[in-house]
Structures are given as structure tokens and as C-alpha cells.
C-alpha atoms as a PDB file:
ATOM      1  CA  UNK A   1      20.802  -6.374  -1.579  1.00  0.00           C
ATOM      2  CA  UNK A   2      22.169  -3.040  -0.389  1.00  0.00           C
ATOM      3  CA  UNK A   3      25.124  -3.324   1.995  1.00  0.00           C
ATOM      4  CA  UNK A   4      24.978  -2.193   5.608  1.00  0.00           C
ATOM      5  CA  UNK A   5      27.951   0.100   4.847  1.00  0.00           C
ATOM      6  CA  UNK A   6      25.922   1.847   2.120  1.00  0.00           C
ATOM      7  CA  UNK A   7      22.934   2.221   4.449  1.00  0.00           C
ATOM      8  CA  UNK A   8      25.139   3.778   7.124  1.00  0.00           C
ATOM      9  CA  UNK A   9      26.807   6.110   4.606  1.00  0.00           C
ATOM     10  CA  UNK A  10      23.501   7.277   3.098  1.00  0.00           C
ATOM     11  CA  UNK A  11      21.851   7.861   6.466  1.00  0.00           C
ATOM     12  CA  UNK A  12      24.784   9.878   7.803  1.00  0.00           C
ATOM     13  CA  UNK A  13      24.831  11.848   4.548  1.00  0.00           C
ATOM     14  CA  UNK A  14      21.093  12.517   4.913  1.00  0.00           C
ATOM     15  CA  UNK A  15      21.606  14.240   8.296  1.00  0.00           C
ATOM     16  CA  UNK A  16      24.528  16.246   6.881  1.00  0.00           C
ATOM     17  CA  UNK A  17      22.370  17.378   3.949  1.00  0.00           C
ATOM     18  CA  UNK A  18      19.497  18.342   6.259  1.00  0.00           C
ATOM     19  CA  UNK A  19      22.014  20.408   8.214  1.00  0.00           C
ATOM     20  CA  UNK A  20      23.120  22.132   4.987  1.00  0.00           C
ATOM     21  CA  UNK A  21      19.474  22.450   3.899  1.00  0.00           C
ATOM     22  CA  UNK A  22      20.507  20.996   0.514  1.00  0.00           C
ATOM     23  CA  UNK A  23      17.085  19.951  -0.722  1.00  0.00           C
ATOM     24  CA  UNK A  24      18.207  18.819  -4.189  1.00  0.00           C
ATOM     25  CA  UNK A  25      20.830  16.490  -2.722  1.00  0.00           C
ATOM     26  CA  UNK A  26      18.322  15.152  -0.168  1.00  0.00           C
ATOM     27  CA  UNK A  27      15.839  14.384  -2.946  1.00  0.00           C
ATOM     28  CA  UNK A  28      18.567  12.570  -4.904  1.00  0.00           C
ATOM     29  CA  UNK A  29      18.776  10.048  -2.041  1.00  0.00           C
ATOM     30  CA  UNK A  30      15.161   8.953  -2.620  1.00  0.00           C
ATOM     31  CA  UNK A  31      13.707   6.485  -5.118  1.00  0.00           C
ATOM     32  CA  UNK A  32      10.988   7.998  -7.339  1.00  0.00           C
ATOM     33  CA  UNK A  33       8.235   5.925  -5.691  1.00  0.00           C
ATOM     34  CA  UNK A  34       9.439   6.484  -2.108  1.00  0.00           C
ATOM     35  CA  UNK A  35       7.191   7.106   0.896  1.00  0.00           C
ATOM     36  CA  UNK A  36       7.776   9.603   3.734  1.00  0.00           C
ATOM     37  CA  UNK A  37       5.868   9.656   7.033  1.00  0.00           C
ATOM     38  CA  UNK A  38       7.116  12.588   9.116  1.00  0.00           C
ATOM     39  CA  UNK A  39       6.181  12.333  11.900  1.00  0.00           C
ATOM     40  CA  UNK A  40       4.844   8.792  12.103  1.00  0.00           C
ATOM     41  CA  UNK A  41       1.070   9.008  12.424  1.00  0.00           C
ATOM     42  CA  UNK A  42       0.462  11.663   9.781  1.00  0.00           C
ATOM     43  CA  UNK A  43      -0.726  10.795   6.286  1.00  0.00           C
ATOM     44  CA  UNK A  44       2.274   9.314   4.423  1.00  0.00           C
ATOM     45  CA  UNK A  45       3.558  11.169   1.375  1.00  0.00           C
ATOM     46  CA  UNK A  46       3.983   8.976  -1.684  1.00  0.00           C
ATOM     47  CA  UNK A  47       6.257   9.718  -4.628  1.00  0.00           C
ATOM     48  CA  UNK A  48       9.102  12.122  -5.274  1.00  0.00           C
ATOM     49  CA  UNK A  49       6.830  15.075  -6.159  1.00  0.00           C
ATOM     50  CA  UNK A  50       5.057  14.957  -2.779  1.00  0.00           C
ATOM     51  CA  UNK A  51       8.364  14.410  -0.991  1.00  0.00           C
ATOM     52  CA  UNK A  52       9.872  17.381  -2.831  1.00  0.00           C
ATOM     53  CA  UNK A  53       7.008  19.632  -1.686  1.00  0.00           C
ATOM     54  CA  UNK A  54       7.481  18.406   1.894  1.00  0.00           C
ATOM     55  CA  UNK A  55      11.159  19.393   1.996  1.00  0.00           C
ATOM     56  CA  UNK A  56      10.670  22.649   0.083  1.00  0.00           C
ATOM     57  CA  UNK A  57       7.780  23.769   2.320  1.00  0.00           C
ATOM     58  CA  UNK A  58       9.456  22.662   5.546  1.00  0.00           C
ATOM     59  CA  UNK A  59      13.220  22.766   5.349  1.00  0.00           C
ATOM     60  CA  UNK A  60      13.231  25.327   2.552  1.00  0.00           C
ATOM     61  CA  UNK A  61      11.124  27.846   4.476  1.00  0.00           C
ATOM     62  CA  UNK A  62      12.882  27.935   7.855  1.00  0.00           C
ATOM     63  CA  UNK A  63      16.298  28.159   9.392  1.00  0.00           C
ATOM     64  CA  UNK A  64      17.252  24.720  10.597  1.00  0.00           C
ATOM     65  CA  UNK A  65      20.283  22.695  11.550  1.00  0.00           C
ATOM     66  CA  UNK A  66      20.718  18.997  12.212  1.00  0.00           C
ATOM     67  CA  UNK A  67      23.238  16.939  14.144  1.00  0.00           C
ATOM     68  CA  UNK A  68      23.591  13.186  14.421  1.00  0.00           C
ATOM     69  CA  UNK A  69      23.414  12.130  18.080  1.00  0.00           C
ATOM     70  CA  UNK A  70      24.247   8.423  17.903  1.00  0.00           C
ATOM     71  CA  UNK A  71      25.368   5.592  15.691  1.00  0.00           C
ATOM     72  CA  UNK A  72      23.388   4.303  12.721  1.00  0.00           C
ATOM     73  CA  UNK A  73      21.870   0.895  13.302  1.00  0.00           C
ATOM     74  CA  UNK A  74      21.424  -1.321  10.250  1.00  0.00           C
ATOM     75  CA  UNK A  75      19.748  -4.583   9.338  1.00  0.00           C
ATOM     76  CA  UNK A  76      20.660  -7.167   6.745  1.00  0.00           C
ATOM     77  CA  UNK A  77      17.240  -6.596   5.166  1.00  0.00           C
ATOM     78  CA  UNK A  78      18.025  -3.092   3.853  1.00  0.00           C
ATOM     79  CA  UNK A  79      16.880  -0.912   6.758  1.00  0.00           C
ATOM     80  CA  UNK A  80      18.547   1.517   9.108  1.00  0.00           C
ATOM     81  CA  UNK A  81      17.814   3.798  12.045  1.00  0.00           C
ATOM     82  CA  UNK A  82      19.552   7.064  12.897  1.00  0.00           C
ATOM     83  CA  UNK A  83      19.113   9.338  15.924  1.00  0.00           C
ATOM     84  CA  UNK A  84      19.584  13.067  15.446  1.00  0.00           C
ATOM     85  CA  UNK A  85      18.433  16.471  16.580  1.00  0.00           C
ATOM     86  CA  UNK A  86      16.969  19.250  14.479  1.00  0.00           C
ATOM     87  CA  UNK A  87      17.111  22.848  15.680  1.00  0.00           C
ATOM     88  CA  UNK A  88      14.277  24.922  14.214  1.00  0.00           C
ATOM     89  CA  UNK A  89      12.049  27.866  14.985  1.00  0.00           C
ATOM     90  CA  UNK A  90       8.607  26.507  15.882  1.00  0.00           C
ATOM     91  CA  UNK A  91       5.713  28.908  16.436  1.00  0.00           C
ATOM     92  CA  UNK A  92       8.193  31.784  16.827  1.00  0.00           C
ATOM     93  CA  UNK A  93      10.442  30.071  19.384  1.00  0.00           C
ATOM     94  CA  UNK A  94      13.770  28.288  18.901  1.00  0.00           C
ATOM     95  CA  UNK A  95      13.336  24.562  19.520  1.00  0.00           C
ATOM     96  CA  UNK A  96      15.201  21.285  19.394  1.00  0.00           C
ATOM     97  CA  UNK A  97      13.414  18.203  18.099  1.00  0.00           C
ATOM     98  CA  UNK A  98      14.974  14.836  18.940  1.00  0.00           C
ATOM     99  CA  UNK A  99      14.224  12.398  16.119  1.00  0.00           C
ATOM    100  CA  UNK A 100      14.873   8.804  15.129  1.00  0.00           C
ATOM    101  CA  UNK A 101      14.500   8.162  11.409  1.00  0.00           C
ATOM    102  CA  UNK A 102      13.926   4.648  10.116  1.00  0.00           C
ATOM    103  CA  UNK A 103      14.719   4.182   6.416  1.00  0.00           C
ATOM    104  CA  UNK A 104      14.363   1.324   3.969  1.00  0.00           C
ATOM    105  CA  UNK A 105      16.637   1.121   0.936  1.00  0.00           C
ATOM    106  CA  UNK A 106      16.369  -0.604  -2.426  1.00  0.00           C
ATOM    107  CA  UNK A 107      19.179  -2.580  -4.068  1.00  0.00           C
ATOM    108  CA  UNK A 108      20.447   0.637  -5.715  1.00  0.00           C
ATOM    109  CA  UNK A 109      20.919   2.301  -2.315  1.00  0.00           C
ATOM    110  CA  UNK A 110      17.967   4.681  -2.743  1.00  0.00           C
ATOM    111  CA  UNK A 111      15.564   5.395   0.116  1.00  0.00           C
ATOM    112  CA  UNK A 112      12.189   3.742  -0.508  1.00  0.00           C
ATOM    113  CA  UNK A 113      10.655   4.578   2.881  1.00  0.00           C
ATOM    114  CA  UNK A 114      11.464   7.106   5.593  1.00  0.00           C
ATOM    115  CA  UNK A 115       9.584   7.240   8.877  1.00  0.00           C
ATOM    116  CA  UNK A 116      10.454   9.952  11.405  1.00  0.00           C
ATOM    117  CA  UNK A 117       9.709   9.033  15.010  1.00  0.00           C
ATOM    118  CA  UNK A 118       9.058  12.128  17.125  1.00  0.00           C
ATOM    119  CA  UNK A 119       6.188  13.909  18.852  1.00  0.00           C
ATOM    120  CA  UNK A 120       5.557  16.937  21.062  1.00  0.00           C
ATOM    121  CA  UNK A 121       7.295  14.930  23.813  1.00  0.00           C
ATOM    122  CA  UNK A 122      10.509  15.203  21.787  1.00  0.00           C
ATOM    123  CA  UNK A 123      10.262  18.944  21.168  1.00  0.00           C
ATOM    124  CA  UNK A 124      12.104  21.205  23.602  1.00  0.00           C
ATOM    125  CA  UNK A 125      11.615  24.970  23.500  1.00  0.00           C
ATOM    126  CA  UNK A 126      14.931  26.728  24.096  1.00  0.00           C
ATOM    127  CA  UNK A 127      15.047  29.731  26.419  1.00  0.00           C
END
């Protein structure tokens, strides 16, 4: 079983890597068969190839920054939650999206599932 310390470390690293827009390092956090649902409610992406396209088409095509806004919460069953904000340009306007990501990890400390909880209600257009 993956330790809660490893979960916390990997989740904090994930936000740091999103901030750096380091797609290769982000992908290295995922297991090959992982699933991503971002935001929750859209068709989940399955497998590292689909996840790679998601990050390359999203994070790789726009200016973005990310900042952790609260502590990681972990479970003894290999899951964690992290609150953070992403600053992006959305439809030509600078915006802040407030997100909570829920991740599941395998025994090797790789992400097997990532669900991003956010909607239009969590998107603020900056003046």
C-alpha cells in the first residue's frame, strides 16, 4: 500500500509541475492504464496515450500557472485530495479556475485515477 506521505508528496509535486507546464514530468506520475476525468462529468480518458494528448492539447497550448491553496488530504486506502487554482486564458480572457483534484494511487505511487472537480461556478474572469 502506498503511504500517505507519498500521496501528499506526489500531489504537491503534481501542482508544481502543472505550474511549470512540465508535461513529461506530469505524465511520469501516471500509471500506463490510468484514467483522467477533467472536469468530472466529461467522458473519462483512459490510458497514458489519451492522457498525454489531454495535457499536450490543454496545458501545452496555453499560458497557465497553478498554485496550491490548501493542504492535501489523504486516506489509508491510497487516495488524496488537493485544492488549487489554475490561472489560464479562457475564450480570450484571463481567468482563475478553483479546482479540487481527487487522485488514486497504486502501490508503486503512480496515479491510477485523477478526477478534477470544477465547473463554470468555479471559473472567475479577471478584469
